[in-house]
Amino acid sequence: MTDISTSIWPLIAAALAVIIIGYVWYHPWIFGTLWMRFNGVTPEMAERGARRAHMYEAIGFLTSVVVAYVMRTLLVGLGVSDPSNAAKLGFLVWLGCAAPVLLGSVLWEHRPFKLYLINAGYWLVALTAMSVILVV
């Protein structure tokens, strides 16, 4: 096992995993079509956004590296070194941070609750997978 407190490779692997999970999660065959409808995104808007997809992907990757770094800091600080406890920590971070923050879009922006479930579900899977990857 690599020392998760110093190596960059687990951060990169975790960030790439989050990007891949996002591609699958928000694919039109999974939740992408519903996500677009709930956000009022038309196919034309999506097409215009596709022109900048590489820039968005790069920014998404960098933010995922930051999240992975913070998650690794928590894992190391708490002495978590096995996948089971890492998954538990990923869930707790989701429960205490991501889920409540995302709920604000329902409460204050009047977004559909189903949109919350899509986005919160993504972050549950992403944070749990990221935590596990960082200790493997």
N, C-alpha and C. Protein backbone atom coordinates (compact mmCIF):
# COMPACT_ATOMS: atom_id res chain seq x y z
N MET A 1 0.85 -1.19 0.00
CA MET A 1 0.00 0.00 0.00
C MET A 1 0.89 1.24 0.00
N THR A 2 0.56 2.20 -0.84
CA THR A 2 1.31 3.46 -0.89
C THR A 2 0.92 4.33 0.29
N ASP A 3 1.83 5.18 0.65
CA ASP A 3 1.54 6.12 1.72
C ASP A 3 0.57 7.18 1.17
N ILE A 4 -0.69 7.11 1.58
CA ILE A 4 -1.70 8.02 1.01
C ILE A 4 -1.48 9.46 1.44
N SER A 5 -0.60 9.68 2.39
CA SER A 5 -0.40 11.06 2.84
C SER A 5 0.56 11.84 1.97
N THR A 6 1.30 11.18 1.05
CA THR A 6 2.29 11.91 0.27
C THR A 6 2.17 11.74 -1.23
N SER A 7 1.64 10.67 -1.72
CA SER A 7 1.63 10.39 -3.15
C SER A 7 0.53 11.16 -3.89
N ILE A 8 0.89 11.67 -5.07
CA ILE A 8 -0.08 12.40 -5.90
C ILE A 8 -0.99 11.44 -6.67
N TRP A 9 -0.51 10.22 -6.92
CA TRP A 9 -1.24 9.30 -7.79
C TRP A 9 -2.62 8.90 -7.25
N PRO A 10 -2.78 8.66 -5.96
CA PRO A 10 -4.14 8.40 -5.48
C PRO A 10 -5.09 9.58 -5.69
N LEU A 11 -4.56 10.80 -5.58
CA LEU A 11 -5.40 11.98 -5.83
C LEU A 11 -5.87 12.01 -7.28
N ILE A 12 -4.95 11.74 -8.19
CA ILE A 12 -5.29 11.73 -9.61
C ILE A 12 -6.28 10.61 -9.92
N ALA A 13 -6.04 9.43 -9.36
CA ALA A 13 -6.95 8.30 -9.58
C ALA A 13 -8.35 8.61 -9.05
N ALA A 14 -8.42 9.19 -7.86
CA ALA A 14 -9.72 9.52 -7.27
C ALA A 14 -10.43 10.59 -8.10
N ALA A 15 -9.70 11.59 -8.56
CA ALA A 15 -10.30 12.65 -9.38
C ALA A 15 -10.80 12.09 -10.70
N LEU A 16 -10.02 11.23 -11.33
CA LEU A 16 -10.47 10.60 -12.58
C LEU A 16 -11.71 9.74 -12.36
N ALA A 17 -11.74 9.03 -11.25
CA ALA A 17 -12.92 8.21 -10.94
C ALA A 17 -14.17 9.06 -10.81
N VAL A 18 -14.04 10.21 -10.16
CA VAL A 18 -15.19 11.11 -9.99
C VAL A 18 -15.67 11.63 -11.35
N ILE A 19 -14.73 11.94 -12.24
CA ILE A 19 -15.09 12.40 -13.58
C ILE A 19 -15.83 11.28 -14.33
N ILE A 20 -15.33 10.07 -14.25
CA ILE A 20 -15.97 8.93 -14.93
C ILE A 20 -17.36 8.67 -14.35
N ILE A 21 -17.46 8.72 -13.04
CA ILE A 21 -18.78 8.54 -12.40
C ILE A 21 -19.73 9.62 -12.90
N GLY A 22 -19.26 10.84 -13.02
CA GLY A 22 -20.10 11.93 -13.52
C GLY A 22 -20.56 11.70 -14.95
N TYR A 23 -19.65 11.23 -15.80
CA TYR A 23 -20.03 10.93 -17.19
C TYR A 23 -21.14 9.88 -17.24
N VAL A 24 -21.00 8.86 -16.42
CA VAL A 24 -22.01 7.80 -16.40
C VAL A 24 -23.30 8.30 -15.77
N TRP A 25 -23.20 8.93 -14.62
CA TRP A 25 -24.36 9.38 -13.85
C TRP A 25 -25.23 10.36 -14.65
N TYR A 26 -24.57 11.30 -15.32
CA TYR A 26 -25.30 12.33 -16.05
C TYR A 26 -25.45 12.02 -17.55
N HIS A 27 -25.20 10.79 -17.91
CA HIS A 27 -25.42 10.36 -19.30
C HIS A 27 -26.92 10.37 -19.57
N PRO A 28 -27.33 10.70 -20.79
CA PRO A 28 -28.77 10.73 -21.10
C PRO A 28 -29.50 9.42 -20.79
N TRP A 29 -28.81 8.30 -20.85
CA TRP A 29 -29.47 7.03 -20.56
C TRP A 29 -29.67 6.79 -19.07
N ILE A 30 -28.96 7.54 -18.25
CA ILE A 30 -29.11 7.38 -16.79
C ILE A 30 -29.94 8.56 -16.27
N PHE A 31 -29.30 9.64 -15.83
CA PHE A 31 -30.04 10.78 -15.27
C PHE A 31 -29.89 12.06 -16.08
N GLY A 32 -29.11 12.03 -17.15
CA GLY A 32 -28.82 13.24 -17.91
C GLY A 32 -30.04 13.94 -18.48
N THR A 33 -30.97 13.18 -19.05
CA THR A 33 -32.16 13.78 -19.63
C THR A 33 -33.02 14.44 -18.57
N LEU A 34 -33.22 13.77 -17.46
CA LEU A 34 -33.99 14.35 -16.35
C LEU A 34 -33.28 15.58 -15.79
N TRP A 35 -31.96 15.48 -15.61
CA TRP A 35 -31.19 16.60 -15.09
C TRP A 35 -31.35 17.83 -15.99
N MET A 36 -31.27 17.63 -17.30
CA MET A 36 -31.44 18.74 -18.24
C MET A 36 -32.84 19.35 -18.12
N ARG A 37 -33.85 18.49 -18.05
CA ARG A 37 -35.22 19.00 -17.95
C ARG A 37 -35.43 19.78 -16.66
N PHE A 38 -34.96 19.25 -15.54
CA PHE A 38 -35.14 19.93 -14.25
C PHE A 38 -34.38 21.25 -14.18
N ASN A 39 -33.31 21.38 -14.94
CA ASN A 39 -32.51 22.61 -14.96
C ASN A 39 -32.89 23.54 -16.10
N GLY A 40 -33.85 23.14 -16.92
CA GLY A 40 -34.26 23.97 -18.04
C GLY A 40 -33.22 24.08 -19.13
N VAL A 41 -32.39 23.06 -19.28
CA VAL A 41 -31.35 23.05 -20.30
C VAL A 41 -31.94 22.43 -21.57
N THR A 42 -31.92 23.18 -22.64
CA THR A 42 -32.42 22.69 -23.93
C THR A 42 -31.28 22.01 -24.69
N PRO A 43 -31.60 21.20 -25.69
CA PRO A 43 -30.54 20.59 -26.51
C PRO A 43 -29.64 21.66 -27.16
N GLU A 44 -30.23 22.79 -27.53
CA GLU A 44 -29.43 23.86 -28.12
C GLU A 44 -28.43 24.42 -27.11
N MET A 45 -28.88 24.60 -25.89
CA MET A 45 -27.99 25.09 -24.84
C MET A 45 -26.86 24.09 -24.59
N ALA A 46 -27.20 22.81 -24.59
CA ALA A 46 -26.20 21.77 -24.39
C ALA A 46 -25.18 21.77 -25.53
N GLU A 47 -25.67 21.97 -26.73
CA GLU A 47 -24.77 22.02 -27.89
C GLU A 47 -23.80 23.20 -27.79
N ARG A 48 -24.30 24.34 -27.37
CA ARG A 48 -23.41 25.51 -27.20
C ARG A 48 -22.38 25.24 -26.11
N GLY A 49 -22.81 24.59 -25.06
CA GLY A 49 -21.90 24.27 -23.96
C GLY A 49 -20.85 23.24 -24.35
N ALA A 50 -21.18 22.39 -25.32
CA ALA A 50 -20.24 21.36 -25.77
C ALA A 50 -18.98 21.97 -26.36
N ARG A 51 -19.09 23.18 -26.88
CA ARG A 51 -17.91 23.86 -27.46
C ARG A 51 -16.85 24.13 -26.40
N ARG A 52 -17.28 24.27 -25.17
CA ARG A 52 -16.34 24.56 -24.08
C ARG A 52 -16.14 23.35 -23.17
N ALA A 53 -16.53 22.19 -23.64
CA ALA A 53 -16.50 20.99 -22.80
C ALA A 53 -15.10 20.70 -22.26
N HIS A 54 -14.07 20.88 -23.06
CA HIS A 54 -12.71 20.59 -22.59
C HIS A 54 -12.33 21.49 -21.42
N MET A 55 -12.70 22.75 -21.51
CA MET A 55 -12.40 23.67 -20.42
C MET A 55 -13.17 23.27 -19.16
N TYR A 56 -14.45 22.93 -19.32
CA TYR A 56 -15.25 22.52 -18.17
C TYR A 56 -14.71 21.23 -17.55
N GLU A 57 -14.28 20.31 -18.41
CA GLU A 57 -13.73 19.05 -17.91
C GLU A 57 -12.44 19.29 -17.13
N ALA A 58 -11.60 20.19 -17.64
CA ALA A 58 -10.34 20.50 -16.94
C ALA A 58 -10.62 21.13 -15.57
N ILE A 59 -11.56 22.05 -15.54
CA ILE A 59 -11.93 22.68 -14.26
C ILE A 59 -12.53 21.64 -13.32
N GLY A 60 -13.39 20.77 -13.85
CA GLY A 60 -13.98 19.70 -13.04
C GLY A 60 -12.92 18.77 -12.48
N PHE A 61 -11.92 18.45 -13.30
CA PHE A 61 -10.84 17.59 -12.83
C PHE A 61 -10.06 18.27 -11.70
N LEU A 62 -9.72 19.54 -11.89
CA LEU A 62 -8.96 20.27 -10.86
C LEU A 62 -9.75 20.37 -9.56
N THR A 63 -11.04 20.63 -9.65
CA THR A 63 -11.83 20.70 -8.41
C THR A 63 -11.94 19.32 -7.76
N SER A 64 -11.97 18.27 -8.57
CA SER A 64 -11.99 16.91 -8.01
C SER A 64 -10.68 16.59 -7.31
N VAL A 65 -9.56 17.09 -7.83
CA VAL A 65 -8.28 16.90 -7.15
C VAL A 65 -8.30 17.61 -5.79
N VAL A 66 -8.89 18.79 -5.74
CA VAL A 66 -8.99 19.52 -4.47
C VAL A 66 -9.84 18.73 -3.47
N VAL A 67 -10.99 18.22 -3.93
CA VAL A 67 -11.85 17.43 -3.05
C VAL A 67 -11.10 16.18 -2.58
N ALA A 68 -10.37 15.53 -3.48
CA ALA A 68 -9.59 14.34 -3.12
C ALA A 68 -8.52 14.69 -2.08
N TYR A 69 -7.89 15.83 -2.24
CA TYR A 69 -6.88 16.26 -1.28
C TYR A 69 -7.50 16.45 0.12
N VAL A 70 -8.64 17.10 0.16
CA VAL A 70 -9.32 17.31 1.45
C VAL A 70 -9.75 15.97 2.05
N MET A 71 -10.29 15.09 1.19
CA MET A 71 -10.71 13.77 1.69
C MET A 71 -9.50 12.99 2.20
N ARG A 72 -8.38 13.06 1.47
CA ARG A 72 -7.17 12.36 1.92
C ARG A 72 -6.70 12.93 3.25
N THR A 73 -6.77 14.24 3.42
CA THR A 73 -6.37 14.87 4.68
C THR A 73 -7.23 14.34 5.83
N LEU A 74 -8.52 14.19 5.59
CA LEU A 74 -9.41 13.62 6.61
C LEU A 74 -9.07 12.16 6.90
N LEU A 75 -8.85 11.39 5.85
CA LEU A 75 -8.53 9.97 6.02
C LEU A 75 -7.25 9.80 6.83
N VAL A 76 -6.22 10.55 6.48
CA VAL A 76 -4.94 10.45 7.19
C VAL A 76 -5.10 10.96 8.62
N GLY A 77 -5.75 12.09 8.78
CA GLY A 77 -5.92 12.67 10.11
C GLY A 77 -6.71 11.77 11.06
N LEU A 78 -7.65 11.04 10.51
CA LEU A 78 -8.45 10.14 11.34
C LEU A 78 -7.88 8.73 11.41
N GLY A 79 -6.80 8.50 10.69
CA GLY A 79 -6.15 7.19 10.72
C GLY A 79 -6.93 6.10 9.99
N VAL A 80 -7.72 6.48 9.02
CA VAL A 80 -8.51 5.50 8.26
C VAL A 80 -7.61 4.89 7.19
N SER A 81 -7.52 3.56 7.18
CA SER A 81 -6.64 2.92 6.21
C SER A 81 -7.27 1.72 5.51
N ASP A 82 -8.51 1.40 5.83
CA ASP A 82 -9.14 0.27 5.15
C ASP A 82 -10.37 0.75 4.37
N PRO A 83 -10.70 0.05 3.28
CA PRO A 83 -11.80 0.49 2.40
C PRO A 83 -13.16 0.61 3.09
N SER A 84 -13.44 -0.26 4.01
CA SER A 84 -14.75 -0.21 4.69
C SER A 84 -14.92 1.08 5.48
N ASN A 85 -13.93 1.41 6.27
CA ASN A 85 -14.01 2.65 7.05
C ASN A 85 -13.89 3.88 6.16
N ALA A 86 -13.15 3.77 5.06
CA ALA A 86 -13.06 4.88 4.11
C ALA A 86 -14.44 5.15 3.50
N ALA A 87 -15.16 4.07 3.16
CA ALA A 87 -16.51 4.24 2.61
C ALA A 87 -17.43 4.89 3.63
N LYS A 88 -17.29 4.51 4.88
CA LYS A 88 -18.09 5.12 5.95
C LYS A 88 -17.78 6.62 6.06
N LEU A 89 -16.51 6.96 5.97
CA LEU A 89 -16.15 8.38 6.05
C LEU A 89 -16.70 9.13 4.84
N GLY A 90 -16.61 8.54 3.66
CA GLY A 90 -17.19 9.17 2.47
C GLY A 90 -18.68 9.43 2.65
N PHE A 91 -19.38 8.45 3.22
CA PHE A 91 -20.81 8.62 3.49
C PHE A 91 -21.04 9.75 4.50
N LEU A 92 -20.25 9.78 5.57
CA LEU A 92 -20.44 10.81 6.59
C LEU A 92 -20.15 12.21 6.05
N VAL A 93 -19.13 12.34 5.21
CA VAL A 93 -18.84 13.63 4.59
C VAL A 93 -20.01 14.04 3.71
N TRP A 94 -20.55 13.08 2.96
CA TRP A 94 -21.72 13.36 2.14
C TRP A 94 -22.90 13.79 3.02
N LEU A 95 -23.17 13.02 4.07
CA LEU A 95 -24.31 13.29 4.95
C LEU A 95 -24.20 14.63 5.66
N GLY A 96 -23.00 14.97 6.09
CA GLY A 96 -22.83 16.20 6.86
C GLY A 96 -22.50 17.43 6.04
N CYS A 97 -22.02 17.25 4.82
CA CYS A 97 -21.60 18.41 4.02
C CYS A 97 -22.38 18.52 2.72
N ALA A 98 -22.26 17.53 1.86
CA ALA A 98 -22.85 17.64 0.52
C ALA A 98 -24.38 17.63 0.56
N ALA A 99 -24.96 16.66 1.23
CA ALA A 99 -26.43 16.53 1.23
C ALA A 99 -27.13 17.78 1.76
N PRO A 100 -26.71 18.32 2.90
CA PRO A 100 -27.39 19.53 3.38
C PRO A 100 -27.19 20.75 2.48
N VAL A 101 -25.98 20.91 1.96
CA VAL A 101 -25.72 22.07 1.08
C VAL A 101 -26.56 21.97 -0.18
N LEU A 102 -26.63 20.79 -0.78
CA LEU A 102 -27.42 20.62 -1.99
C LEU A 102 -28.91 20.81 -1.74
N LEU A 103 -29.36 20.53 -0.53
CA LEU A 103 -30.77 20.70 -0.21
C LEU A 103 -31.19 22.17 -0.29
N GLY A 104 -30.23 23.07 -0.14
CA GLY A 104 -30.54 24.49 -0.26
C GLY A 104 -31.16 24.86 -1.60
N SER A 105 -30.79 24.14 -2.66
CA SER A 105 -31.37 24.44 -3.98
C SER A 105 -32.86 24.13 -4.01
N VAL A 106 -33.29 23.17 -3.22
CA VAL A 106 -34.72 22.85 -3.14
C VAL A 106 -35.42 23.89 -2.27
N LEU A 107 -34.83 24.20 -1.14
CA LEU A 107 -35.47 25.10 -0.18
C LEU A 107 -35.51 26.55 -0.66
N TRP A 108 -34.42 27.04 -1.23
CA TRP A 108 -34.30 28.46 -1.52
C TRP A 108 -34.40 28.80 -2.99
N GLU A 109 -34.03 27.88 -3.86
CA GLU A 109 -34.10 28.15 -5.30
C GLU A 109 -35.33 27.50 -5.94
N HIS A 110 -36.09 26.78 -5.13
CA HIS A 110 -37.33 26.13 -5.57
C HIS A 110 -37.09 25.15 -6.71
N ARG A 111 -35.97 24.45 -6.63
CA ARG A 111 -35.67 23.41 -7.61
C ARG A 111 -36.43 22.15 -7.24
N PRO A 112 -36.69 21.29 -8.22
CA PRO A 112 -37.42 20.04 -7.93
C PRO A 112 -36.63 19.13 -6.98
N PHE A 113 -37.34 18.46 -6.11
CA PHE A 113 -36.71 17.54 -5.17
C PHE A 113 -36.03 16.41 -5.93
N LYS A 114 -36.59 16.01 -7.06
CA LYS A 114 -35.96 14.95 -7.86
C LYS A 114 -34.59 15.39 -8.36
N LEU A 115 -34.41 16.66 -8.67
CA LEU A 115 -33.10 17.16 -9.06
C LEU A 115 -32.13 17.03 -7.89
N TYR A 116 -32.60 17.33 -6.71
CA TYR A 116 -31.78 17.15 -5.51
C TYR A 116 -31.35 15.70 -5.38
N LEU A 117 -32.28 14.78 -5.58
CA LEU A 117 -31.94 13.36 -5.45
C LEU A 117 -30.89 12.94 -6.48
N ILE A 118 -30.99 13.45 -7.69
CA ILE A 118 -30.00 13.13 -8.73
C ILE A 118 -28.62 13.65 -8.32
N ASN A 119 -28.54 14.92 -7.96
CA ASN A 119 -27.26 15.53 -7.61
C ASN A 119 -26.70 14.97 -6.30
N ALA A 120 -27.54 14.80 -5.31
CA ALA A 120 -27.07 14.27 -4.03
C ALA A 120 -26.63 12.81 -4.19
N GLY A 121 -27.35 12.06 -5.00
CA GLY A 121 -26.95 10.67 -5.27
C GLY A 121 -25.59 10.59 -5.93
N TYR A 122 -25.36 11.49 -6.88
CA TYR A 122 -24.05 11.54 -7.53
C TYR A 122 -22.95 11.78 -6.50
N TRP A 123 -23.14 12.77 -5.64
CA TRP A 123 -22.11 13.09 -4.66
C TRP A 123 -21.93 11.98 -3.63
N LEU A 124 -22.98 11.27 -3.31
CA LEU A 124 -22.84 10.12 -2.41
C LEU A 124 -21.92 9.08 -3.03
N VAL A 125 -22.20 8.72 -4.27
CA VAL A 125 -21.37 7.73 -4.96
C VAL A 125 -19.95 8.26 -5.14
N ALA A 126 -19.82 9.51 -5.56
CA ALA A 126 -18.50 10.09 -5.84
C ALA A 126 -17.63 10.16 -4.59
N LEU A 127 -18.17 10.67 -3.50
CA LEU A 127 -17.38 10.81 -2.29
C LEU A 127 -17.01 9.46 -1.67
N THR A 128 -17.94 8.51 -1.76
CA THR A 128 -17.65 7.17 -1.23
C THR A 128 -16.58 6.50 -2.07
N ALA A 129 -16.72 6.56 -3.40
CA ALA A 129 -15.71 5.96 -4.27
C ALA A 129 -14.36 6.63 -4.08
N MET A 130 -14.35 7.94 -3.99
CA MET A 130 -13.11 8.68 -3.82
C MET A 130 -12.40 8.24 -2.54
N SER A 131 -13.14 8.12 -1.46
CA SER A 131 -12.55 7.72 -0.19
C SER A 131 -11.92 6.34 -0.27
N VAL A 132 -12.63 5.43 -0.89
CA VAL A 132 -12.12 4.05 -1.01
C VAL A 132 -10.86 4.03 -1.88
N ILE A 133 -10.89 4.72 -2.99
CA ILE A 133 -9.74 4.77 -3.90
C ILE A 133 -8.50 5.32 -3.17
N LEU A 134 -8.71 6.29 -2.33
CA LEU A 134 -7.58 6.92 -1.64
C LEU A 134 -6.90 6.02 -0.63
N VAL A 135 -7.55 4.96 -0.17
CA VAL A 135 -6.90 4.06 0.79
C VAL A 135 -6.48 2.73 0.18
N VAL A 136 -6.87 2.49 -1.05
CA VAL A 136 -6.51 1.20 -1.69
C VAL A 136 -5.11 1.26 -2.22
